[in-house]
Amino acid sequence: MDDVRIITLDSLLRRLEEVLGPDSLLYHRFDQGLRLEDERCLTDAMTSLRLYPDEVRRMVEDTVMSWLFGARNDSGMRRLEA
């Protein structure tokens, strides 16, 4: 089981909140799309991301890639009781 890695949408949202800030419209678009599992909202978030400066786009892209391929045990689940 050492090769199992669990990632959660909550951990992605936490990371996006850290890089974008809790009051960011872009963060709220991602939050809504991910929490509601709404493809249209996520598409809107990705479309609006294109309008942001390169630095912001890179931060979001790096955050998503890090979330997908980053360190093990970064799901937030280790804080849950067994």
N, C-alpha and C. Protein backbone atom coordinates (compact mmCIF):
# COMPACT_ATOMS: atom_id res chain seq x y z
N MET A 1 0.80 -1.20 0.00
CA MET A 1 0.00 0.00 0.00
C MET A 1 0.84 1.27 0.00
N ASP A 2 2.14 1.15 0.02
CA ASP A 2 2.98 2.34 0.03
C ASP A 2 2.86 3.17 -1.23
N ASP A 3 2.39 2.56 -2.31
CA ASP A 3 2.30 3.29 -3.56
C ASP A 3 0.94 3.97 -3.75
N VAL A 4 0.07 3.87 -2.75
CA VAL A 4 -1.24 4.50 -2.82
C VAL A 4 -1.12 5.95 -2.38
N ARG A 5 -1.73 6.80 -3.16
CA ARG A 5 -1.73 8.24 -2.84
C ARG A 5 -3.16 8.73 -2.97
N ILE A 6 -3.66 9.37 -1.94
CA ILE A 6 -5.03 9.86 -1.94
C ILE A 6 -4.99 11.38 -2.04
N ILE A 7 -5.76 11.89 -2.99
CA ILE A 7 -5.89 13.34 -3.11
C ILE A 7 -7.38 13.67 -3.01
N THR A 8 -7.69 14.83 -2.47
CA THR A 8 -9.09 15.23 -2.31
C THR A 8 -9.29 16.60 -2.93
N LEU A 9 -10.52 16.86 -3.32
CA LEU A 9 -10.85 18.18 -3.84
C LEU A 9 -10.71 19.24 -2.75
N ASP A 10 -10.98 18.86 -1.51
CA ASP A 10 -10.82 19.81 -0.41
C ASP A 10 -9.37 20.27 -0.29
N SER A 11 -8.43 19.36 -0.51
CA SER A 11 -7.02 19.77 -0.42
C SER A 11 -6.66 20.70 -1.57
N LEU A 12 -7.24 20.47 -2.75
CA LEU A 12 -7.01 21.39 -3.86
C LEU A 12 -7.59 22.76 -3.54
N LEU A 13 -8.79 22.79 -3.01
CA LEU A 13 -9.40 24.08 -2.66
C LEU A 13 -8.60 24.83 -1.61
N ARG A 14 -8.08 24.11 -0.63
CA ARG A 14 -7.24 24.76 0.39
C ARG A 14 -6.00 25.39 -0.27
N ARG A 15 -5.40 24.65 -1.18
CA ARG A 15 -4.20 25.17 -1.86
C ARG A 15 -4.55 26.39 -2.71
N LEU A 16 -5.66 26.32 -3.44
CA LEU A 16 -6.06 27.47 -4.26
C LEU A 16 -6.39 28.68 -3.40
N GLU A 17 -7.01 28.44 -2.27
CA GLU A 17 -7.30 29.54 -1.35
C GLU A 17 -6.01 30.19 -0.84
N GLU A 18 -5.00 29.38 -0.57
CA GLU A 18 -3.72 29.91 -0.11
C GLU A 18 -3.06 30.79 -1.16
N VAL A 19 -3.09 30.38 -2.42
CA VAL A 19 -2.39 31.15 -3.45
C VAL A 19 -3.21 32.31 -4.00
N LEU A 20 -4.54 32.17 -4.02
CA LEU A 20 -5.38 33.22 -4.60
C LEU A 20 -5.99 34.14 -3.55
N GLY A 21 -6.14 33.64 -2.33
CA GLY A 21 -6.78 34.42 -1.28
C GLY A 21 -8.27 34.09 -1.21
N PRO A 22 -8.83 34.12 0.00
CA PRO A 22 -10.22 33.72 0.19
C PRO A 22 -11.23 34.67 -0.45
N ASP A 23 -10.83 35.88 -0.76
CA ASP A 23 -11.75 36.86 -1.34
C ASP A 23 -11.65 36.95 -2.86
N SER A 24 -10.79 36.14 -3.44
CA SER A 24 -10.57 36.18 -4.89
C SER A 24 -11.78 35.63 -5.65
N LEU A 25 -12.22 36.37 -6.66
CA LEU A 25 -13.30 35.89 -7.51
C LEU A 25 -12.92 34.58 -8.20
N LEU A 26 -11.69 34.49 -8.64
CA LEU A 26 -11.23 33.26 -9.29
C LEU A 26 -11.30 32.08 -8.34
N TYR A 27 -10.87 32.28 -7.10
CA TYR A 27 -10.96 31.21 -6.10
C TYR A 27 -12.42 30.78 -5.93
N HIS A 28 -13.32 31.73 -5.83
CA HIS A 28 -14.74 31.40 -5.63
C HIS A 28 -15.32 30.66 -6.83
N ARG A 29 -14.85 30.97 -8.01
CA ARG A 29 -15.32 30.23 -9.20
C ARG A 29 -14.85 28.77 -9.14
N PHE A 30 -13.59 28.57 -8.79
CA PHE A 30 -13.10 27.19 -8.63
C PHE A 30 -13.83 26.49 -7.50
N ASP A 31 -14.02 27.18 -6.39
CA ASP A 31 -14.70 26.61 -5.23
C ASP A 31 -16.10 26.13 -5.62
N GLN A 32 -16.85 26.97 -6.28
CA GLN A 32 -18.21 26.61 -6.68
C GLN A 32 -18.20 25.41 -7.64
N GLY A 33 -17.33 25.45 -8.63
CA GLY A 33 -17.28 24.37 -9.60
C GLY A 33 -16.88 23.04 -8.99
N LEU A 34 -15.90 23.07 -8.09
CA LEU A 34 -15.43 21.83 -7.49
C LEU A 34 -16.41 21.30 -6.45
N ARG A 35 -16.96 22.18 -5.63
CA ARG A 35 -17.90 21.71 -4.60
C ARG A 35 -19.19 21.17 -5.20
N LEU A 36 -19.66 21.81 -6.27
CA LEU A 36 -20.90 21.37 -6.91
C LEU A 36 -20.65 20.32 -7.99
N GLU A 37 -19.35 20.06 -8.26
CA GLU A 37 -18.96 19.16 -9.35
C GLU A 37 -19.68 19.58 -10.63
N ASP A 38 -19.59 20.88 -10.89
CA ASP A 38 -20.29 21.51 -12.01
C ASP A 38 -19.30 21.82 -13.12
N GLU A 39 -19.40 21.08 -14.21
CA GLU A 39 -18.46 21.23 -15.32
C GLU A 39 -18.51 22.64 -15.91
N ARG A 40 -19.68 23.21 -16.00
CA ARG A 40 -19.80 24.55 -16.57
C ARG A 40 -19.09 25.59 -15.70
N CYS A 41 -19.27 25.50 -14.39
CA CYS A 41 -18.58 26.42 -13.48
C CYS A 41 -17.06 26.29 -13.59
N LEU A 42 -16.59 25.04 -13.69
CA LEU A 42 -15.15 24.82 -13.83
C LEU A 42 -14.63 25.34 -15.16
N THR A 43 -15.41 25.16 -16.19
CA THR A 43 -15.02 25.70 -17.50
C THR A 43 -14.95 27.22 -17.44
N ASP A 44 -15.92 27.84 -16.78
CA ASP A 44 -15.91 29.30 -16.60
C ASP A 44 -14.68 29.75 -15.81
N ALA A 45 -14.34 28.98 -14.77
CA ALA A 45 -13.16 29.32 -13.98
C ALA A 45 -11.89 29.24 -14.83
N MET A 46 -11.78 28.19 -15.62
CA MET A 46 -10.60 28.03 -16.47
C MET A 46 -10.55 29.11 -17.56
N THR A 47 -11.70 29.47 -18.09
CA THR A 47 -11.76 30.53 -19.10
C THR A 47 -11.34 31.86 -18.49
N SER A 48 -11.84 32.15 -17.31
CA SER A 48 -11.48 33.42 -16.67
C SER A 48 -10.02 33.43 -16.26
N LEU A 49 -9.45 32.27 -15.96
CA LEU A 49 -8.03 32.20 -15.60
C LEU A 49 -7.16 32.73 -16.73
N ARG A 50 -7.58 32.52 -17.97
CA ARG A 50 -6.82 33.01 -19.12
C ARG A 50 -6.70 34.53 -19.15
N LEU A 51 -7.62 35.21 -18.48
CA LEU A 51 -7.62 36.68 -18.46
C LEU A 51 -6.68 37.26 -17.40
N TYR A 52 -6.19 36.42 -16.52
CA TYR A 52 -5.31 36.87 -15.43
C TYR A 52 -3.87 36.98 -15.93
N PRO A 53 -3.07 37.76 -15.23
CA PRO A 53 -1.65 37.88 -15.60
C PRO A 53 -0.95 36.51 -15.57
N ASP A 54 0.13 36.41 -16.35
CA ASP A 54 0.89 35.16 -16.44
C ASP A 54 1.28 34.62 -15.06
N GLU A 55 1.68 35.50 -14.17
CA GLU A 55 2.12 35.08 -12.84
C GLU A 55 1.01 34.34 -12.09
N VAL A 56 -0.19 34.85 -12.15
CA VAL A 56 -1.33 34.22 -11.48
C VAL A 56 -1.65 32.89 -12.16
N ARG A 57 -1.66 32.87 -13.47
CA ARG A 57 -1.94 31.63 -14.19
C ARG A 57 -0.93 30.55 -13.83
N ARG A 58 0.34 30.93 -13.79
CA ARG A 58 1.38 29.95 -13.42
C ARG A 58 1.19 29.45 -12.00
N MET A 59 0.84 30.35 -11.08
CA MET A 59 0.62 29.93 -9.69
C MET A 59 -0.50 28.90 -9.60
N VAL A 60 -1.60 29.16 -10.30
CA VAL A 60 -2.73 28.24 -10.28
C VAL A 60 -2.34 26.92 -10.94
N GLU A 61 -1.70 26.98 -12.08
CA GLU A 61 -1.27 25.76 -12.77
C GLU A 61 -0.30 24.96 -11.92
N ASP A 62 0.66 25.63 -11.29
CA ASP A 62 1.62 24.95 -10.41
C ASP A 62 0.92 24.32 -9.22
N THR A 63 -0.06 25.01 -8.69
CA THR A 63 -0.82 24.50 -7.55
C THR A 63 -1.57 23.23 -7.92
N VAL A 64 -2.23 23.24 -9.07
CA VAL A 64 -2.97 22.06 -9.52
C VAL A 64 -2.01 20.90 -9.79
N MET A 65 -0.91 21.16 -10.46
CA MET A 65 0.06 20.10 -10.75
C MET A 65 0.68 19.55 -9.47
N SER A 66 0.99 20.42 -8.55
CA SER A 66 1.54 19.98 -7.27
C SER A 66 0.52 19.13 -6.51
N TRP A 67 -0.74 19.53 -6.58
CA TRP A 67 -1.81 18.77 -5.93
C TRP A 67 -1.92 17.38 -6.55
N LEU A 68 -1.86 17.31 -7.86
CA LEU A 68 -1.99 16.02 -8.53
C LEU A 68 -0.80 15.11 -8.31
N PHE A 69 0.41 15.67 -8.37
CA PHE A 69 1.61 14.85 -8.40
C PHE A 69 2.53 15.07 -7.21
N GLY A 70 2.08 15.81 -6.20
CA GLY A 70 2.91 16.18 -5.07
C GLY A 70 3.14 15.06 -4.07
N ALA A 71 3.50 15.48 -2.89
CA ALA A 71 3.88 14.55 -1.82
C ALA A 71 2.73 13.67 -1.37
N ARG A 72 3.08 12.52 -0.91
CA ARG A 72 2.09 11.60 -0.34
C ARG A 72 1.53 12.20 0.95
N ASN A 73 0.39 11.68 1.36
CA ASN A 73 -0.24 12.10 2.61
C ASN A 73 -0.52 13.59 2.66
N ASP A 74 -0.88 14.15 1.52
CA ASP A 74 -1.20 15.57 1.48
C ASP A 74 -2.69 15.77 1.22
N SER A 75 -3.48 14.78 1.58
CA SER A 75 -4.90 14.81 1.29
C SER A 75 -5.71 15.52 2.37
N GLY A 76 -5.11 15.68 3.55
CA GLY A 76 -5.87 16.19 4.67
C GLY A 76 -6.54 15.06 5.43
N MET A 77 -6.48 13.85 4.89
CA MET A 77 -7.16 12.71 5.53
C MET A 77 -6.41 12.22 6.76
N ARG A 78 -5.15 12.53 6.86
CA ARG A 78 -4.41 12.06 8.04
C ARG A 78 -4.92 12.74 9.30
N ARG A 79 -5.65 13.85 9.13
CA ARG A 79 -6.21 14.55 10.29
C ARG A 79 -7.54 13.95 10.73
N LEU A 80 -8.08 13.03 9.93
CA LEU A 80 -9.36 12.39 10.27
C LEU A 80 -9.14 11.26 11.27
N GLU A 81 -10.13 11.07 12.13
CA GLU A 81 -10.04 9.96 13.07
C GLU A 81 -10.32 8.66 12.36
N ALA A 82 -9.67 7.61 12.81
CA ALA A 82 -9.89 6.28 12.20
C ALA A 82 -11.24 5.74 12.57
